[in-house]
């Protein structure tokens, strides 16, 4: 599997990604407590994401940091750090940076093809649906995944407060990137695809 994060960010951001091969994953007791009542699949995804984030924190000089969870579900980082975690089937990643440089960072990973046409009215605005409808079936699958994933990444970068109202974020693809708009605020981002795996990222 190619390293997707390396194509998404520059030197001021630090990322880590992992492919799930059944490898052992270590969690701190405080982290275990956050998913103790979750199903095994959810606990595994949580652990993989935390493993990526801890790898990045080690690189940034924060050793043995137990990554808690805020009231809105976002990870709790050490002072001076911003970032986010993502996971999808068989894959997890984290992207972090210094708060002196960045206000918000968002990352999301999705498997292409899971955003079916039946979901469009709930996830996408009129213009986005028209954009998708003009594409052929193969292109639709990738584009629909991009719109959905970009909204997730933007939502995380903007702080992830409150429920994610997909139709309040409007995505315009631009080459190998995209622009997200919410209430007049614009946020550029990038994406990369490897086979059926797509990763999107946004930061400001």
Foldseek 3Di string as FASTA:
>chain_A
DDDWVVVFDDDQKDKFKDFPPPDDFDADPQQCVVCVPPDPVVVVQSRRQVRGVQVRVVVVPNHPDHWHADPLGFTDDPPQKEWGKEDDVRMIMIMMGGCVVFVFKFKYKDFFPPCDPVCDVQQEDPVLNVVLVVDDPVVSRVSSVVLRRQLRRVCRRVPSPDDRRRHQWHWDDDVQWIWIDHPRDIWIKGWDDDNRMIMIMTTD
